[in-house]
Amino acid sequence: MEISRTVSHGLQLHNKLGCSIDGTFVNNISYADDMVLLSPSIKGLRQLLSICERYAEVHGLRYNADKSKLLVFSAGNKRYQYIPPVWIKGTPLKRVSKFKYLGHWVAADQRDDVDIERERRALAVRSNMLIRRFSKCHKNVKVTLFRAYCQTFYTCSLWIDHTKKAYSVLRVQYNNAFRALMGLPKYCSASGMFTEHNVDNFYAIMRKRVASLWSRARKSSNTLLQTVANRWDGPILKYWMSLHMASSHFCAK
């Protein structure tokens, strides 16, 4: 982790490389030994990689080119068929349309459907495990287990651009998981069963997760997080606000 911090600091010293957020340049996002380099141009990305390579050479390290990928975000309706190659120590990086970073799928089109599907599959695995092992337990035990295993929705507060279908499929999966675990009829009212057992419905969980992230980002000492959280015209805050304003129009099924 210390190595990652040192490399990040070295990259930040080149304050004119990377993507600009209100005049502040961001060129890397790092956690432990996982690093993402950000650049609006191939030239800038090559410069950032060169900095990393020089650091690795001085300290006897080597980047794994096989595990490193190149992802080009689409700009509106623009699609780039040819992208100049980018190398790490002479090995060209493979271009991909999506990659998983810290468990979250990032897509070139900046849509969240792929990550929502990841979470739907994970929810199906966890809920089926509970149904198999704890179907005969008391309902209070089931509710406790359901809250612990089926309300996680990892990184759901980052979902801001997705299809209604993907979102709805996850919601239905959540409702059906609770019905099956509690032994309730297939077509019973979702709002009624959650109210009866004092369990948050799908939309309530989403609003709470979003509010929690927004609050922590605004209170953070990191100026970049504060900038993103306080941009009233930004897509993230607009979506977060829409969850709360539109909540009264949602109808659980």
Protein backbone atom coordinates (compact mmCIF):
# COMPACT_ATOMS: atom_id res chain seq x y z
CA MET A 1 0.00 0.00 0.00
CA GLU A 2 2.87 2.37 0.75
CA ILE A 3 4.27 1.82 -2.75
CA SER A 4 0.91 2.73 -4.28
CA ARG A 5 0.77 5.92 -2.22
CA THR A 6 4.26 6.92 -3.31
CA VAL A 7 3.50 6.36 -6.99
CA SER A 8 0.23 8.31 -6.63
CA HIS A 9 2.07 11.19 -5.04
CA GLY A 10 4.57 11.21 -7.88
CA LEU A 11 1.76 11.32 -10.43
CA GLN A 12 -0.01 14.14 -8.60
CA LEU A 13 3.11 16.27 -8.81
CA HIS A 14 2.48 16.41 -12.57
CA ASN A 15 -0.55 18.59 -11.98
CA LYS A 16 -1.20 19.34 -15.65
CA LEU A 17 -1.75 15.71 -16.60
CA GLY A 18 -5.07 13.97 -16.27
CA CYS A 19 -8.75 14.88 -16.24
CA SER A 20 -9.80 18.29 -14.95
CA ILE A 21 -12.49 18.64 -12.29
CA ASP A 22 -13.19 22.34 -11.77
CA GLY A 23 -9.59 23.16 -12.60
CA THR A 24 -8.06 20.40 -10.47
CA PHE A 25 -6.32 17.67 -12.43
CA VAL A 26 -6.99 14.06 -11.46
CA ASN A 27 -4.72 11.48 -13.06
CA ASN A 28 -4.92 8.43 -10.81
CA ILE A 29 -7.20 6.60 -8.41
CA SER A 30 -5.37 4.13 -6.21
CA TYR A 31 -6.24 1.65 -3.47
CA ALA A 32 -3.58 -0.71 -2.09
CA ASP A 33 -1.91 -2.17 -5.21
CA ASP A 34 -4.81 -1.39 -7.59
CA MET A 35 -4.33 1.73 -9.69
CA VAL A 36 -6.35 3.47 -12.38
CA LEU A 37 -4.74 6.13 -14.58
CA LEU A 38 -7.00 8.82 -16.06
CA SER A 39 -6.27 10.94 -19.11
CA PRO A 40 -8.35 12.69 -21.80
CA SER A 41 -5.72 11.81 -24.42
CA ILE A 42 -3.48 8.93 -25.42
CA LYS A 43 -0.46 11.22 -25.22
CA GLY A 44 -1.24 12.09 -21.62
CA LEU A 45 -1.81 8.43 -20.74
CA ARG A 46 1.54 7.49 -22.21
CA GLN A 47 3.20 10.17 -20.09
CA LEU A 48 1.54 8.85 -16.94
CA LEU A 49 2.61 5.30 -17.73
CA SER A 50 6.14 6.52 -18.32
CA ILE A 51 6.20 8.03 -14.82
CA CYS A 52 5.02 4.72 -13.34
CA GLU A 53 7.59 2.76 -15.32
CA ARG A 54 10.45 4.99 -14.17
CA TYR A 55 9.36 4.59 -10.55
CA ALA A 56 9.12 0.80 -10.94
CA GLU A 57 12.57 0.61 -12.53
CA VAL A 58 14.21 2.61 -9.74
CA HIS A 59 12.60 0.48 -7.03
CA GLY A 60 13.03 -2.92 -8.67
CA LEU A 61 9.36 -3.41 -9.46
CA ARG A 62 7.50 -4.50 -12.58
CA TYR A 63 3.94 -3.87 -13.72
CA ASN A 64 1.96 -6.86 -14.95
CA ALA A 65 0.91 -5.99 -18.50
CA ASP A 66 -1.40 -9.04 -18.71
CA LYS A 67 -3.51 -7.70 -15.85
CA SER A 68 -3.48 -4.11 -17.12
CA LYS A 69 -6.24 -3.01 -19.50
CA LEU A 70 -7.08 0.01 -21.63
CA LEU A 71 -10.63 1.34 -21.56
CA VAL A 72 -11.75 4.29 -23.69
CA PHE A 73 -14.93 6.00 -22.50
CA SER A 74 -17.35 7.04 -25.21
CA ALA A 75 -18.01 10.75 -25.62
CA GLY A 76 -21.71 11.16 -26.31
CA ASN A 77 -22.48 9.38 -29.58
CA LYS A 78 -18.85 9.32 -30.68
CA ARG A 79 -17.24 5.93 -31.08
CA TYR A 80 -13.52 5.56 -31.74
CA GLN A 81 -12.71 2.56 -33.91
CA TYR A 82 -8.96 3.12 -33.91
CA ILE A 83 -7.06 4.00 -30.76
CA PRO A 84 -3.25 4.42 -30.90
CA PRO A 85 -1.51 1.69 -28.92
CA VAL A 86 -0.40 2.14 -25.32
CA TRP A 87 2.41 0.06 -23.87
CA ILE A 88 3.85 -1.02 -20.55
CA LYS A 89 7.52 -1.92 -21.01
CA GLY A 90 6.97 -2.71 -24.68
CA THR A 91 3.83 -4.79 -24.13
CA PRO A 92 0.68 -3.28 -25.69
CA LEU A 93 -2.31 -3.01 -23.38
CA LYS A 94 -5.43 -4.89 -24.40
CA ARG A 95 -8.41 -2.62 -25.05
CA VAL A 96 -11.60 -3.71 -23.32
CA SER A 97 -15.18 -2.44 -23.22
CA LYS A 98 -15.49 -2.98 -19.45
CA PHE A 99 -13.37 -3.90 -16.47
CA LYS A 100 -13.90 -4.60 -12.79
CA TYR A 101 -12.21 -2.25 -10.34
CA LEU A 102 -12.49 -3.03 -6.62
CA GLY A 103 -15.46 -5.27 -7.37
CA HIS A 104 -17.37 -2.68 -9.41
CA TRP A 105 -17.85 -3.04 -13.17
CA VAL A 106 -16.90 0.08 -15.16
CA ALA A 107 -18.15 0.18 -18.76
CA ALA A 108 -16.97 2.20 -21.76
CA ASP A 109 -20.48 3.55 -22.35
CA GLN A 110 -20.60 4.63 -18.67
CA ARG A 111 -23.81 2.67 -18.13
CA ASP A 112 -24.36 0.69 -14.94
CA ASP A 113 -26.38 -2.23 -16.30
CA VAL A 114 -23.42 -4.63 -16.16
CA ASP A 115 -22.73 -3.85 -12.51
CA ILE A 116 -26.41 -4.08 -11.62
CA GLU A 117 -26.49 -7.55 -13.19
CA ARG A 118 -23.42 -8.49 -11.13
CA GLU A 119 -25.27 -7.52 -7.99
CA ARG A 120 -28.42 -9.36 -9.09
CA ARG A 121 -26.45 -12.57 -9.52
CA ALA A 122 -24.75 -12.11 -6.16
CA LEU A 123 -28.12 -11.50 -4.50
CA ALA A 124 -29.51 -14.67 -6.08
CA VAL A 125 -26.62 -16.73 -4.70
CA ARG A 126 -26.92 -15.29 -1.18
CA SER A 127 -30.71 -15.53 -0.99
CA ASN A 128 -30.76 -19.13 -2.28
CA MET A 129 -28.22 -20.06 0.37
CA LEU A 130 -30.45 -18.59 3.10
CA ILE A 131 -33.56 -20.31 1.73
CA ARG A 132 -31.84 -23.71 1.66
CA ARG A 133 -30.27 -23.51 5.10
CA PHE A 134 -32.70 -21.50 7.20
CA SER A 135 -36.18 -22.13 5.80
CA LYS A 136 -37.33 -23.72 9.09
CA CYS A 137 -36.02 -20.98 11.39
CA HIS A 138 -38.18 -18.48 13.26
CA LYS A 139 -39.23 -15.48 11.16
CA ASN A 140 -37.22 -13.09 13.36
CA VAL A 141 -34.08 -15.07 12.57
CA LYS A 142 -34.91 -14.98 8.87
CA VAL A 143 -35.41 -11.22 8.93
CA THR A 144 -32.06 -10.71 10.66
CA LEU A 145 -30.29 -12.92 8.13
CA PHE A 146 -32.05 -11.23 5.22
CA ARG A 147 -30.92 -7.79 6.38
CA ALA A 148 -27.35 -9.01 6.79
CA TYR A 149 -27.00 -10.90 3.50
CA CYS A 150 -29.52 -9.42 1.05
CA GLN A 151 -29.44 -5.67 1.65
CA THR A 152 -25.79 -5.05 0.86
CA PHE A 153 -26.12 -3.91 -2.79
CA TYR A 154 -22.40 -3.27 -3.10
CA THR A 155 -21.60 0.11 -4.78
CA CYS A 156 -25.29 0.71 -5.57
CA SER A 157 -24.89 4.38 -4.63
CA LEU A 158 -22.70 4.79 -7.74
CA TRP A 159 -25.42 3.69 -10.15
CA ILE A 160 -26.56 6.81 -12.00
CA ASP A 161 -27.11 5.69 -15.61
CA HIS A 162 -28.96 2.46 -16.30
CA THR A 163 -32.02 1.04 -18.02
CA LYS A 164 -35.31 0.67 -16.19
CA LYS A 165 -35.26 -3.02 -17.04
CA ALA A 166 -31.96 -3.72 -15.30
CA TYR A 167 -33.06 -1.82 -12.20
CA SER A 168 -36.47 -3.49 -12.16
CA VAL A 169 -35.02 -6.99 -12.50
CA LEU A 170 -32.85 -6.41 -9.43
CA ARG A 171 -35.84 -5.06 -7.48
CA VAL A 172 -37.97 -8.09 -8.40
CA GLN A 173 -35.11 -10.40 -7.38
CA TYR A 174 -34.98 -8.68 -4.00
CA ASN A 175 -38.75 -8.95 -3.47
CA ASN A 176 -38.90 -12.59 -4.52
CA ALA A 177 -35.96 -13.49 -2.28
CA PHE A 178 -37.80 -12.16 0.77
CA ARG A 179 -41.05 -13.92 -0.20
CA ALA A 180 -39.30 -17.25 -0.67
CA LEU A 181 -37.31 -16.97 2.57
CA MET A 182 -40.40 -16.07 4.61
CA GLY A 183 -42.57 -18.68 2.88
CA LEU A 184 -45.04 -16.08 1.58
CA PRO A 185 -47.33 -16.45 -1.45
CA LYS A 186 -45.70 -15.63 -4.78
CA TYR A 187 -48.02 -12.72 -5.59
CA CYS A 188 -48.45 -11.17 -2.17
CA SER A 189 -48.03 -7.40 -1.86
CA ALA A 190 -44.37 -6.39 -1.62
CA SER A 191 -45.11 -3.17 0.25
CA GLY A 192 -47.36 -5.06 2.67
CA MET A 193 -44.87 -7.83 3.47
CA PHE A 194 -42.00 -5.42 4.06
CA THR A 195 -44.14 -3.20 6.29
CA GLU A 196 -45.41 -6.16 8.30
CA HIS A 197 -41.88 -7.40 9.03
CA ASN A 198 -40.35 -3.91 9.48
CA VAL A 199 -37.91 -4.44 6.60
CA ASP A 200 -36.81 -1.74 4.13
CA ASN A 201 -38.08 -2.16 0.60
CA PHE A 202 -35.79 -1.86 -2.41
CA TYR A 203 -36.27 1.86 -2.98
CA ALA A 204 -35.76 2.71 0.69
CA ILE A 205 -32.41 0.93 0.66
CA MET A 206 -31.29 2.78 -2.45
CA ARG A 207 -32.20 6.15 -0.97
CA LYS A 208 -30.36 5.38 2.28
CA ARG A 209 -27.22 4.20 0.48
CA VAL A 210 -27.15 7.29 -1.72
CA ALA A 211 -27.76 9.66 1.21
CA SER A 212 -24.99 7.97 3.19
CA LEU A 213 -22.43 8.30 0.38
CA TRP A 214 -23.38 11.90 -0.34
CA SER A 215 -23.07 12.82 3.35
CA ARG A 216 -19.67 11.14 3.70
CA ALA A 217 -18.37 12.73 0.49
CA ARG A 218 -19.39 16.22 1.60
CA LYS A 219 -17.78 15.74 5.00
CA SER A 220 -14.60 14.26 3.56
CA SER A 221 -11.33 16.17 3.81
CA ASN A 222 -10.62 15.16 0.20
CA THR A 223 -11.22 18.25 -1.94
CA LEU A 224 -12.06 16.22 -5.03
CA LEU A 225 -14.82 14.32 -3.22
CA GLN A 226 -16.18 17.58 -1.90
CA THR A 227 -16.18 19.04 -5.40
CA VAL A 228 -18.11 16.12 -6.85
CA ALA A 229 -20.59 16.04 -3.96
CA ASN A 230 -21.29 19.77 -4.13
CA ARG A 231 -21.69 20.13 -7.89
CA TRP A 232 -25.41 20.85 -8.10
CA ASP A 233 -25.28 20.69 -11.90
CA GLY A 234 -23.39 17.38 -11.95
CA PRO A 235 -24.99 14.10 -13.11
CA ILE A 236 -24.28 12.34 -9.82
CA LEU A 237 -26.12 14.81 -7.60
CA LYS A 238 -28.96 15.18 -10.11
CA TYR A 239 -29.56 11.45 -10.04
CA TRP A 240 -29.26 11.23 -6.28
CA MET A 241 -31.84 13.99 -5.86
CA SER A 242 -34.17 12.30 -8.34
CA LEU A 243 -34.26 9.18 -6.17
CA HIS A 244 -35.71 11.16 -3.30
CA MET A 245 -38.04 13.40 -5.31
CA ALA A 246 -39.48 10.52 -7.32
CA SER A 247 -39.79 8.07 -4.43
CA SER A 248 -43.42 8.94 -3.81
CA HIS A 249 -44.26 7.86 -7.36
CA PHE A 250 -42.74 4.41 -7.07
CA CYS A 251 -45.09 1.52 -6.59
CA ALA A 252 -43.72 -1.77 -5.30
CA LYS A 253 -44.99 -4.87 -7.04
